[in-house]
C-alpha cells in the first residue's frame, strides 16, 4: 500500500501555492509553462476524440486528480465521469464543479488499478487516462478494466511518459518528495496489453508541444518547422516525447 498511500496523501504534502494551483489548474500564474503545455495537450485530446469517436457523448477519466480535464471536457459538451484514488483530490474536483455550477460532470473516489467499477461497464464512448497510468504498477489490470467500461467501438486514450521518464530528474524528485511510483512506457508493451485485454486496433501518435510552436518566416524557424516532425517520428519519439496512444474496442 506504500505508494498508493502516497498518492492518497499527495495533496497534503503540497505547499500553499501548489494547493492553490490544484484549485485553478490550468489557469493562473503559478506555472505558465505547464499551463501552456496543458492547453496544447487538451487540444490534442480533442483532436484524437474527434478523429476516432466524433459522435462521443460519454467520457470516463481515470486518475482525474483535481478534475481540471474532466471539467474542461464538460465545458465542451461531453458528459464526464472522473475517478481518483485520493479523496482530497476528488474534494477539490467536486468543489470546482459546484462553484462552476456544472451539471454534466461527476466525480468519485476509486483506485483504477485494483477496483473494477461495475457501474461504469459498457457506458462510455471514451476512456481517458492522462498522465496517471505511470503511477500504477500493474497497467495491464487498468487496461483490462478500461476495456469493460467502453461501449462497442469505444476508445481508450492514453497520454503517458516514455521510458526515459523514470530515469529523469523530475521523476527522482517526485519519488523522493512524495513517495509515488514514477514509471515510463514503450509503445510495444502498451499495444500488446491492449490486444490481450480485447482491443481490436491501436494507434500511436506523435504530438509533442514543439509541433504547436508558432514559427515566424525566418530561415531558422522555417527549417525547424520542416525538420522537427521527422526528428520526432524517427528519433525523439523513441526516447523522449510523450506517448499518445489510442486503442479501439471492436464495434459489435
C-alpha atoms as a PDB file:
ATOM      1  CA  UNK A   1       0.000   0.000   0.000  1.00  0.00           C
ATOM      2  CA  UNK A   2       3.055   2.273   0.311  1.00  0.00           C
ATOM      3  CA  UNK A   3       2.997   4.122  -2.999  1.00  0.00           C
ATOM      4  CA  UNK A   4      -0.803   4.022  -3.156  1.00  0.00           C
ATOM      5  CA  UNK A   5      -0.995   5.700   0.237  1.00  0.00           C
ATOM      6  CA  UNK A   6       1.497   8.228  -1.089  1.00  0.00           C
ATOM      7  CA  UNK A   7      -0.898   9.000  -3.956  1.00  0.00           C
ATOM      8  CA  UNK A   8      -3.736   9.429  -1.463  1.00  0.00           C
ATOM      9  CA  UNK A   9      -1.615  11.707   0.733  1.00  0.00           C
ATOM     10  CA  UNK A  10      -0.126  13.692  -2.167  1.00  0.00           C
ATOM     11  CA  UNK A  11      -2.285  16.843  -1.768  1.00  0.00           C
ATOM     12  CA  UNK A  12      -1.368  17.125   1.932  1.00  0.00           C
ATOM     13  CA  UNK A  13       2.334  17.344   1.040  1.00  0.00           C
ATOM     14  CA  UNK A  14       1.919  20.338  -1.250  1.00  0.00           C
ATOM     15  CA  UNK A  15       2.817  23.844  -0.175  1.00  0.00           C
ATOM     16  CA  UNK A  16       0.238  26.650  -0.159  1.00  0.00           C
ATOM     17  CA  UNK A  17       0.987  27.824  -3.710  1.00  0.00           C
ATOM     18  CA  UNK A  18       0.786  24.279  -5.040  1.00  0.00           C
ATOM     19  CA  UNK A  19      -2.555  23.692  -3.312  1.00  0.00           C
ATOM     20  CA  UNK A  20      -3.933  26.861  -4.903  1.00  0.00           C
ATOM     21  CA  UNK A  21      -2.719  25.531  -8.246  1.00  0.00           C
ATOM     22  CA  UNK A  22      -4.788  22.359  -7.737  1.00  0.00           C
ATOM     23  CA  UNK A  23      -7.884  24.506  -7.410  1.00  0.00           C
ATOM     24  CA  UNK A  24      -7.218  26.579 -10.559  1.00  0.00           C
ATOM     25  CA  UNK A  25      -5.159  24.398 -12.952  1.00  0.00           C
ATOM     26  CA  UNK A  26      -4.609  25.008 -15.839  1.00  0.00           C
ATOM     27  CA  UNK A  27      -5.393  28.701 -15.269  1.00  0.00           C
ATOM     28  CA  UNK A  28      -3.334  31.177 -13.292  1.00  0.00           C
ATOM     29  CA  UNK A  29       0.281  32.290 -12.996  1.00  0.00           C
ATOM     30  CA  UNK A  30       1.729  29.530 -10.767  1.00  0.00           C
ATOM     31  CA  UNK A  31       3.363  27.693 -13.659  1.00  0.00           C
ATOM     32  CA  UNK A  32       2.607  29.270 -17.016  1.00  0.00           C
ATOM     33  CA  UNK A  33       4.842  26.827 -18.882  1.00  0.00           C
ATOM     34  CA  UNK A  34       2.778  23.925 -17.547  1.00  0.00           C
ATOM     35  CA  UNK A  35      -0.409  25.830 -18.403  1.00  0.00           C
ATOM     36  CA  UNK A  36       0.786  26.217 -21.988  1.00  0.00           C
ATOM     37  CA  UNK A  37       1.660  22.528 -22.275  1.00  0.00           C
ATOM     38  CA  UNK A  38      -1.649  21.560 -20.685  1.00  0.00           C
ATOM     39  CA  UNK A  39      -3.692  23.531 -23.201  1.00  0.00           C
ATOM     40  CA  UNK A  40      -1.667  22.018 -26.048  1.00  0.00           C
ATOM     41  CA  UNK A  41      -2.364  18.553 -24.654  1.00  0.00           C
ATOM     42  CA  UNK A  42      -6.059  19.349 -24.275  1.00  0.00           C
ATOM     43  CA  UNK A  43      -6.178  20.342 -27.935  1.00  0.00           C
ATOM     44  CA  UNK A  44      -4.533  17.041 -28.847  1.00  0.00           C
ATOM     45  CA  UNK A  45      -7.062  15.084 -26.778  1.00  0.00           C
ATOM     46  CA  UNK A  46      -9.951  16.830 -28.533  1.00  0.00           C
ATOM     47  CA  UNK A  47      -8.398  16.112 -31.929  1.00  0.00           C
ATOM     48  CA  UNK A  48      -7.978  12.403 -31.171  1.00  0.00           C
ATOM     49  CA  UNK A  49     -11.529  12.115 -29.843  1.00  0.00           C
ATOM     50  CA  UNK A  50     -12.828  13.834 -32.983  1.00  0.00           C
ATOM     51  CA  UNK A  51     -10.771  11.518 -35.199  1.00  0.00           C
ATOM     52  CA  UNK A  52     -11.721   8.217 -33.557  1.00  0.00           C
ATOM     53  CA  UNK A  53     -15.068   8.930 -31.814  1.00  0.00           C
ATOM     54  CA  UNK A  54     -16.580  12.016 -33.485  1.00  0.00           C
ATOM     55  CA  UNK A  55     -20.055  11.251 -32.054  1.00  0.00           C
ATOM     56  CA  UNK A  56     -18.817  10.650 -28.492  1.00  0.00           C
ATOM     57  CA  UNK A  57     -21.002  11.918 -25.674  1.00  0.00           C
ATOM     58  CA  UNK A  58     -19.929   9.986 -22.535  1.00  0.00           C
ATOM     59  CA  UNK A  59     -16.336  10.160 -21.301  1.00  0.00           C
ATOM     60  CA  UNK A  60     -14.707   8.455 -18.316  1.00  0.00           C
ATOM     61  CA  UNK A  61     -11.456   9.861 -16.911  1.00  0.00           C
ATOM     62  CA  UNK A  62      -9.396   7.664 -14.591  1.00  0.00           C
ATOM     63  CA  UNK A  63      -6.775   9.262 -12.352  1.00  0.00           C
ATOM     64  CA  UNK A  64      -8.503  12.613 -12.758  1.00  0.00           C
ATOM     65  CA  UNK A  65      -6.661  14.352  -9.894  1.00  0.00           C
ATOM     66  CA  UNK A  66      -8.271  17.736  -9.132  1.00  0.00           C
ATOM     67  CA  UNK A  67     -10.624  17.335 -12.085  1.00  0.00           C
ATOM     68  CA  UNK A  68      -9.422  20.075 -14.412  1.00  0.00           C
ATOM     69  CA  UNK A  69      -9.508  17.901 -17.551  1.00  0.00           C
ATOM     70  CA  UNK A  70     -12.935  16.465 -16.798  1.00  0.00           C
ATOM     71  CA  UNK A  71     -14.233  19.995 -16.194  1.00  0.00           C
ATOM     72  CA  UNK A  72     -12.827  21.313 -19.480  1.00  0.00           C
ATOM     73  CA  UNK A  73     -14.339  18.340 -21.320  1.00  0.00           C
ATOM     74  CA  UNK A  74     -17.721  19.016 -19.721  1.00  0.00           C
ATOM     75  CA  UNK A  75     -17.480  22.613 -20.955  1.00  0.00           C
ATOM     76  CA  UNK A  76     -17.009  21.169 -24.441  1.00  0.00           C
ATOM     77  CA  UNK A  77     -20.397  19.457 -24.132  1.00  0.00           C
ATOM     78  CA  UNK A  78     -19.375  15.955 -23.037  1.00  0.00           C
ATOM     79  CA  UNK A  79     -20.952  14.097 -20.127  1.00  0.00           C
ATOM     80  CA  UNK A  80     -17.916  13.234 -17.975  1.00  0.00           C
ATOM     81  CA  UNK A  81     -17.221  10.973 -15.003  1.00  0.00           C
ATOM     82  CA  UNK A  82     -13.886  11.261 -13.199  1.00  0.00           C
ATOM     83  CA  UNK A  83     -12.326   8.975 -10.587  1.00  0.00           C
ATOM     84  CA  UNK A  84      -9.188   9.337  -8.499  1.00  0.00           C
ATOM     85  CA  UNK A  85      -7.616   7.345  -5.669  1.00  0.00           C
ATOM     86  CA  UNK A  86      -7.252  10.438  -3.469  1.00  0.00           C
ATOM     87  CA  UNK A  87     -10.335  11.682  -1.577  1.00  0.00           C
ATOM     88  CA  UNK A  88      -8.624  15.060  -1.173  1.00  0.00           C
ATOM     89  CA  UNK A  89      -8.229  15.378  -4.950  1.00  0.00           C
ATOM     90  CA  UNK A  90     -11.861  14.451  -5.510  1.00  0.00           C
ATOM     91  CA  UNK A  91     -12.921  17.027  -2.902  1.00  0.00           C
ATOM     92  CA  UNK A  92     -11.095  19.719  -4.920  1.00  0.00           C
ATOM     93  CA  UNK A  93     -12.720  18.474  -8.131  1.00  0.00           C
ATOM     94  CA  UNK A  94     -16.217  18.456  -6.629  1.00  0.00           C
ATOM     95  CA  UNK A  95     -15.729  21.934  -5.172  1.00  0.00           C
ATOM     96  CA  UNK A  96     -14.681  23.280  -8.566  1.00  0.00           C
ATOM     97  CA  UNK A  97     -17.646  21.651 -10.293  1.00  0.00           C
ATOM     98  CA  UNK A  98     -20.040  23.050  -7.658  1.00  0.00           C
ATOM     99  CA  UNK A  99     -18.575  26.549  -7.868  1.00  0.00           C
ATOM    100  CA  UNK A 100     -18.857  26.487 -11.657  1.00  0.00           C
ATOM    101  CA  UNK A 101     -22.408  25.062 -11.427  1.00  0.00           C
ATOM    102  CA  UNK A 102     -21.597  22.203 -13.773  1.00  0.00           C
ATOM    103  CA  UNK A 103     -24.270  19.543 -14.212  1.00  0.00           C
ATOM    104  CA  UNK A 104     -22.611  17.200 -16.722  1.00  0.00           C
ATOM    105  CA  UNK A 105     -19.654  16.070 -14.634  1.00  0.00           C
ATOM    106  CA  UNK A 106     -19.485  13.589 -11.747  1.00  0.00           C
ATOM    107  CA  UNK A 107     -16.518  12.755  -9.503  1.00  0.00           C
ATOM    108  CA  UNK A 108     -15.865   9.754  -7.266  1.00  0.00           C
ATOM    109  CA  UNK A 109     -13.092   8.004  -5.334  1.00  0.00           C
ATOM    110  CA  UNK A 110     -11.706   4.759  -6.796  1.00  0.00           C
ATOM    111  CA  UNK A 111      -8.359   3.047  -7.380  1.00  0.00           C
ATOM    112  CA  UNK A 112      -8.271   2.460 -11.141  1.00  0.00           C
ATOM    113  CA  UNK A 113      -5.730  -0.333 -10.696  1.00  0.00           C
ATOM    114  CA  UNK A 114      -7.397  -2.545  -8.088  1.00  0.00           C
ATOM    115  CA  UNK A 115     -11.068  -1.560  -8.363  1.00  0.00           C
ATOM    116  CA  UNK A 116     -13.311  -2.635 -11.222  1.00  0.00           C
ATOM    117  CA  UNK A 117     -16.169  -0.134 -11.125  1.00  0.00           C
ATOM    118  CA  UNK A 118     -19.035  -2.371 -12.275  1.00  0.00           C
ATOM    119  CA  UNK A 119     -21.453   0.554 -12.527  1.00  0.00           C
ATOM    120  CA  UNK A 120     -19.355   2.005 -15.374  1.00  0.00           C
ATOM    121  CA  UNK A 121     -19.281  -1.143 -17.547  1.00  0.00           C
ATOM    122  CA  UNK A 122     -20.374  -0.516 -21.144  1.00  0.00           C
ATOM    123  CA  UNK A 123     -21.323   3.122 -20.510  1.00  0.00           C
ATOM    124  CA  UNK A 124     -18.616   5.170 -22.194  1.00  0.00           C
ATOM    125  CA  UNK A 125     -17.566   6.184 -25.691  1.00  0.00           C
ATOM    126  CA  UNK A 126     -14.121   7.266 -24.489  1.00  0.00           C
ATOM    127  CA  UNK A 127     -11.932   6.392 -21.514  1.00  0.00           C
ATOM    128  CA  UNK A 128      -9.055   8.802 -20.880  1.00  0.00           C
ATOM    129  CA  UNK A 129      -6.009   8.282 -18.691  1.00  0.00           C
ATOM    130  CA  UNK A 130      -3.894  11.404 -18.837  1.00  0.00           C
ATOM    131  CA  UNK A 131      -0.504  11.314 -17.102  1.00  0.00           C
ATOM    132  CA  UNK A 132      -1.732   8.872 -14.433  1.00  0.00           C
ATOM    133  CA  UNK A 133      -1.152   5.296 -15.631  1.00  0.00           C
ATOM    134  CA  UNK A 134       2.589   5.620 -14.968  1.00  0.00           C
ATOM    135  CA  UNK A 135       1.823   5.875 -11.244  1.00  0.00           C
ATOM    136  CA  UNK A 136       0.431   2.307 -11.312  1.00  0.00           C
ATOM    137  CA  UNK A 137       2.464  -0.884 -11.014  1.00  0.00           C
ATOM    138  CA  UNK A 138       0.015  -3.070 -12.969  1.00  0.00           C
ATOM    139  CA  UNK A 139      -1.072  -1.184 -16.066  1.00  0.00           C
ATOM    140  CA  UNK A 140      -2.428  -4.398 -17.639  1.00  0.00           C
ATOM    141  CA  UNK A 141      -5.111  -4.576 -14.931  1.00  0.00           C
ATOM    142  CA  UNK A 142      -6.090  -0.956 -15.582  1.00  0.00           C
ATOM    143  CA  UNK A 143      -6.301  -1.505 -19.339  1.00  0.00           C
ATOM    144  CA  UNK A 144      -8.474  -4.564 -18.785  1.00  0.00           C
ATOM    145  CA  UNK A 145     -10.876  -2.512 -16.637  1.00  0.00           C
ATOM    146  CA  UNK A 146     -10.983   0.175 -19.322  1.00  0.00           C
ATOM    147  CA  UNK A 147     -11.990  -2.350 -21.970  1.00  0.00           C
ATOM    148  CA  UNK A 148     -15.109  -3.246 -19.972  1.00  0.00           C
ATOM    149  CA  UNK A 149     -16.038   0.410 -19.343  1.00  0.00           C
ATOM    150  CA  UNK A 150     -16.283   1.101 -23.075  1.00  0.00           C
ATOM    151  CA  UNK A 151     -19.222   0.697 -25.407  1.00  0.00           C
ATOM    152  CA  UNK A 152     -18.605  -1.330 -28.597  1.00  0.00           C
ATOM    153  CA  UNK A 153     -16.408   0.779 -30.869  1.00  0.00           C
ATOM    154  CA  UNK A 154     -15.295   2.962 -27.929  1.00  0.00           C
ATOM    155  CA  UNK A 155     -11.714   4.124 -27.499  1.00  0.00           C
ATOM    156  CA  UNK A 156      -9.140   4.176 -24.733  1.00  0.00           C
ATOM    157  CA  UNK A 157      -6.966   7.284 -24.960  1.00  0.00           C
ATOM    158  CA  UNK A 158      -3.630   7.291 -23.106  1.00  0.00           C
ATOM    159  CA  UNK A 159      -1.151  10.151 -22.709  1.00  0.00           C
ATOM    160  CA  UNK A 160       1.859   8.863 -20.779  1.00  0.00           C
ATOM    161  CA  UNK A 161       5.622   9.424 -20.476  1.00  0.00           C
ATOM    162  CA  UNK A 162       8.158   7.382 -22.413  1.00  0.00           C
ATOM    163  CA  UNK A 163      10.684   5.012 -20.801  1.00  0.00           C
ATOM    164  CA  UNK A 164      13.191   7.818 -20.329  1.00  0.00           C
ATOM    165  CA  UNK A 165      10.895   9.431 -17.742  1.00  0.00           C
ATOM    166  CA  UNK A 166      11.634   7.020 -14.889  1.00  0.00           C
ATOM    167  CA  UNK A 167      15.322   7.975 -15.080  1.00  0.00           C
ATOM    168  CA  UNK A 168      14.683  11.722 -15.301  1.00  0.00           C
ATOM    169  CA  UNK A 169      15.432  14.281 -12.627  1.00  0.00           C
ATOM    170  CA  UNK A 170      11.752  15.189 -12.355  1.00  0.00           C
ATOM    171  CA  UNK A 171      10.837  11.579 -11.596  1.00  0.00           C
ATOM    172  CA  UNK A 172      13.560  11.224  -8.955  1.00  0.00           C
ATOM    173  CA  UNK A 173      12.423  14.432  -7.258  1.00  0.00           C
ATOM    174  CA  UNK A 174       8.790  13.254  -7.219  1.00  0.00           C
ATOM    175  CA  UNK A 175       9.702   9.867  -5.749  1.00  0.00           C
ATOM    176  CA  UNK A 176      11.917  11.455  -3.103  1.00  0.00           C
ATOM    177  CA  UNK A 177       9.429  14.159  -2.120  1.00  0.00           C
ATOM    178  CA  UNK A 178       6.103  12.331  -2.393  1.00  0.00           C
ATOM    179  CA  UNK A 179       6.942   8.607  -2.390  1.00  0.00           C
ATOM    180  CA  UNK A 180       4.853   7.960  -5.512  1.00  0.00           C
ATOM    181  CA  UNK A 181       5.544   5.482  -8.306  1.00  0.00           C
ATOM    182  CA  UNK A 182       7.133   7.054 -11.387  1.00  0.00           C
ATOM    183  CA  UNK A 183       7.451   4.858 -14.455  1.00  0.00           C
ATOM    184  CA  UNK A 184       7.578   5.149 -18.232  1.00  0.00           C
ATOM    185  CA  UNK A 185       6.174   3.051 -21.076  1.00  0.00           C
ATOM    186  CA  UNK A 186       7.053   1.762 -24.502  1.00  0.00           C
ATOM    187  CA  UNK A 187       4.502   1.524 -27.272  1.00  0.00           C
ATOM    188  CA  UNK A 188       5.067  -2.167 -27.922  1.00  0.00           C
ATOM    189  CA  UNK A 189       4.128  -3.144 -24.374  1.00  0.00           C
ATOM    190  CA  UNK A 190       1.024  -0.928 -24.354  1.00  0.00           C
ATOM    191  CA  UNK A 191      -0.086  -2.333 -27.705  1.00  0.00           C
ATOM    192  CA  UNK A 192       0.377  -5.921 -26.510  1.00  0.00           C
ATOM    193  CA  UNK A 193      -1.522  -5.317 -23.275  1.00  0.00           C
ATOM    194  CA  UNK A 194      -4.393  -3.676 -25.134  1.00  0.00           C
ATOM    195  CA  UNK A 195      -4.567  -6.601 -27.537  1.00  0.00           C
ATOM    196  CA  UNK A 196      -4.620  -9.060 -24.632  1.00  0.00           C
ATOM    197  CA  UNK A 197      -7.437  -7.078 -22.991  1.00  0.00           C
ATOM    198  CA  UNK A 198      -9.512  -7.465 -26.158  1.00  0.00           C
ATOM    199  CA  UNK A 199      -8.975  -4.207 -28.044  1.00  0.00           C
ATOM    200  CA  UNK A 200      -9.191  -4.671 -31.802  1.00  0.00           C
ATOM    201  CA  UNK A 201      -6.982  -1.846 -33.111  1.00  0.00           C
ATOM    202  CA  UNK A 202      -4.440   0.647 -31.784  1.00  0.00           C
ATOM    203  CA  UNK A 203      -2.550   3.731 -32.953  1.00  0.00           C
ATOM    204  CA  UNK A 204       0.424   5.673 -31.618  1.00  0.00           C
ATOM    205  CA  UNK A 205       0.531   9.430 -32.241  1.00  0.00           C
ATOM    206  CA  UNK A 206       3.374  11.950 -32.031  1.00  0.00           C
ATOM    207  CA  UNK A 207       2.119  15.227 -30.586  1.00  0.00           C
ATOM    208  CA  UNK A 208       4.997  16.931 -28.814  1.00  0.00           C
ATOM    209  CA  UNK A 209       4.481  20.527 -27.740  1.00  0.00           C
ATOM    210  CA  UNK A 210       7.058  21.582 -30.332  1.00  0.00           C
ATOM    211  CA  UNK A 211       4.505  20.748 -33.000  1.00  0.00           C
ATOM    212  CA  UNK A 212       2.352  23.619 -31.763  1.00  0.00           C
ATOM    213  CA  UNK A 213       5.112  26.216 -31.532  1.00  0.00           C
ATOM    214  CA  UNK A 214       4.431  29.340 -33.589  1.00  0.00           C
ATOM    215  CA  UNK A 215       7.077  29.790 -36.291  1.00  0.00           C
ATOM    216  CA  UNK A 216       7.925  33.087 -37.958  1.00  0.00           C
ATOM    217  CA  UNK A 217       9.115  33.296 -41.563  1.00  0.00           C
ATOM    218  CA  UNK A 218      12.849  33.458 -40.771  1.00  0.00           C
ATOM    219  CA  UNK A 219      15.206  30.809 -42.141  1.00  0.00           C
ATOM    220  CA  UNK A 220      15.937  29.035 -38.827  1.00  0.00           C
ATOM    221  CA  UNK A 221      12.302  28.784 -37.785  1.00  0.00           C
ATOM    222  CA  UNK A 222      11.322  27.597 -41.258  1.00  0.00           C
ATOM    223  CA  UNK A 223      13.923  24.832 -41.066  1.00  0.00           C
ATOM    224  CA  UNK A 224      12.676  23.819 -37.617  1.00  0.00           C
ATOM    225  CA  UNK A 225       9.125  23.644 -38.953  1.00  0.00           C
ATOM    226  CA  UNK A 226      10.251  21.306 -41.743  1.00  0.00           C
ATOM    227  CA  UNK A 227      12.745  19.145 -39.846  1.00  0.00           C
ATOM    228  CA  UNK A 228      11.249  18.743 -36.391  1.00  0.00           C
ATOM    229  CA  UNK A 229       8.401  16.356 -37.388  1.00  0.00           C
ATOM    230  CA  UNK A 230      10.974  13.947 -38.844  1.00  0.00           C
ATOM    231  CA  UNK A 231      13.123  14.124 -35.697  1.00  0.00           C
ATOM    232  CA  UNK A 232      10.088  13.365 -33.541  1.00  0.00           C
ATOM    233  CA  UNK A 233       8.937  10.475 -35.711  1.00  0.00           C
ATOM    234  CA  UNK A 234      12.288   8.744 -36.156  1.00  0.00           C
ATOM    235  CA  UNK A 235      14.433   9.854 -33.185  1.00  0.00           C
ATOM    236  CA  UNK A 236      12.874  11.787 -30.288  1.00  0.00           C
ATOM    237  CA  UNK A 237       9.681   9.732 -30.467  1.00  0.00           C
ATOM    238  CA  UNK A 238      11.543   6.613 -29.389  1.00  0.00           C
ATOM    239  CA  UNK A 239      13.036   8.009 -26.216  1.00  0.00           C
ATOM    240  CA  UNK A 240      11.933  11.487 -25.230  1.00  0.00           C
ATOM    241  CA  UNK A 241       8.441  12.557 -26.195  1.00  0.00           C
ATOM    242  CA  UNK A 242       5.134  11.720 -24.543  1.00  0.00           C
ATOM    243  CA  UNK A 243       3.314   8.633 -25.816  1.00  0.00           C
ATOM    244  CA  UNK A 244      -0.126   9.387 -27.224  1.00  0.00           C
ATOM    245  CA  UNK A 245      -1.897   6.079 -27.694  1.00  0.00           C
ATOM    246  CA  UNK A 246      -5.406   5.139 -28.834  1.00  0.00           C
ATOM    247  CA  UNK A 247      -6.915   1.649 -28.633  1.00  0.00           C
ATOM    248  CA  UNK A 248     -10.350   0.801 -30.009  1.00  0.00           C
ATOM    249  CA  UNK A 249     -12.826  -1.839 -28.915  1.00  0.00           C
ATOM    250  CA  UNK A 250     -14.479  -3.836 -31.687  1.00  0.00           C
ATOM    251  CA  UNK A 251     -17.798  -2.385 -32.883  1.00  0.00           C
ATOM    252  CA  UNK A 252     -20.140  -5.296 -32.367  1.00  0.00           C
END
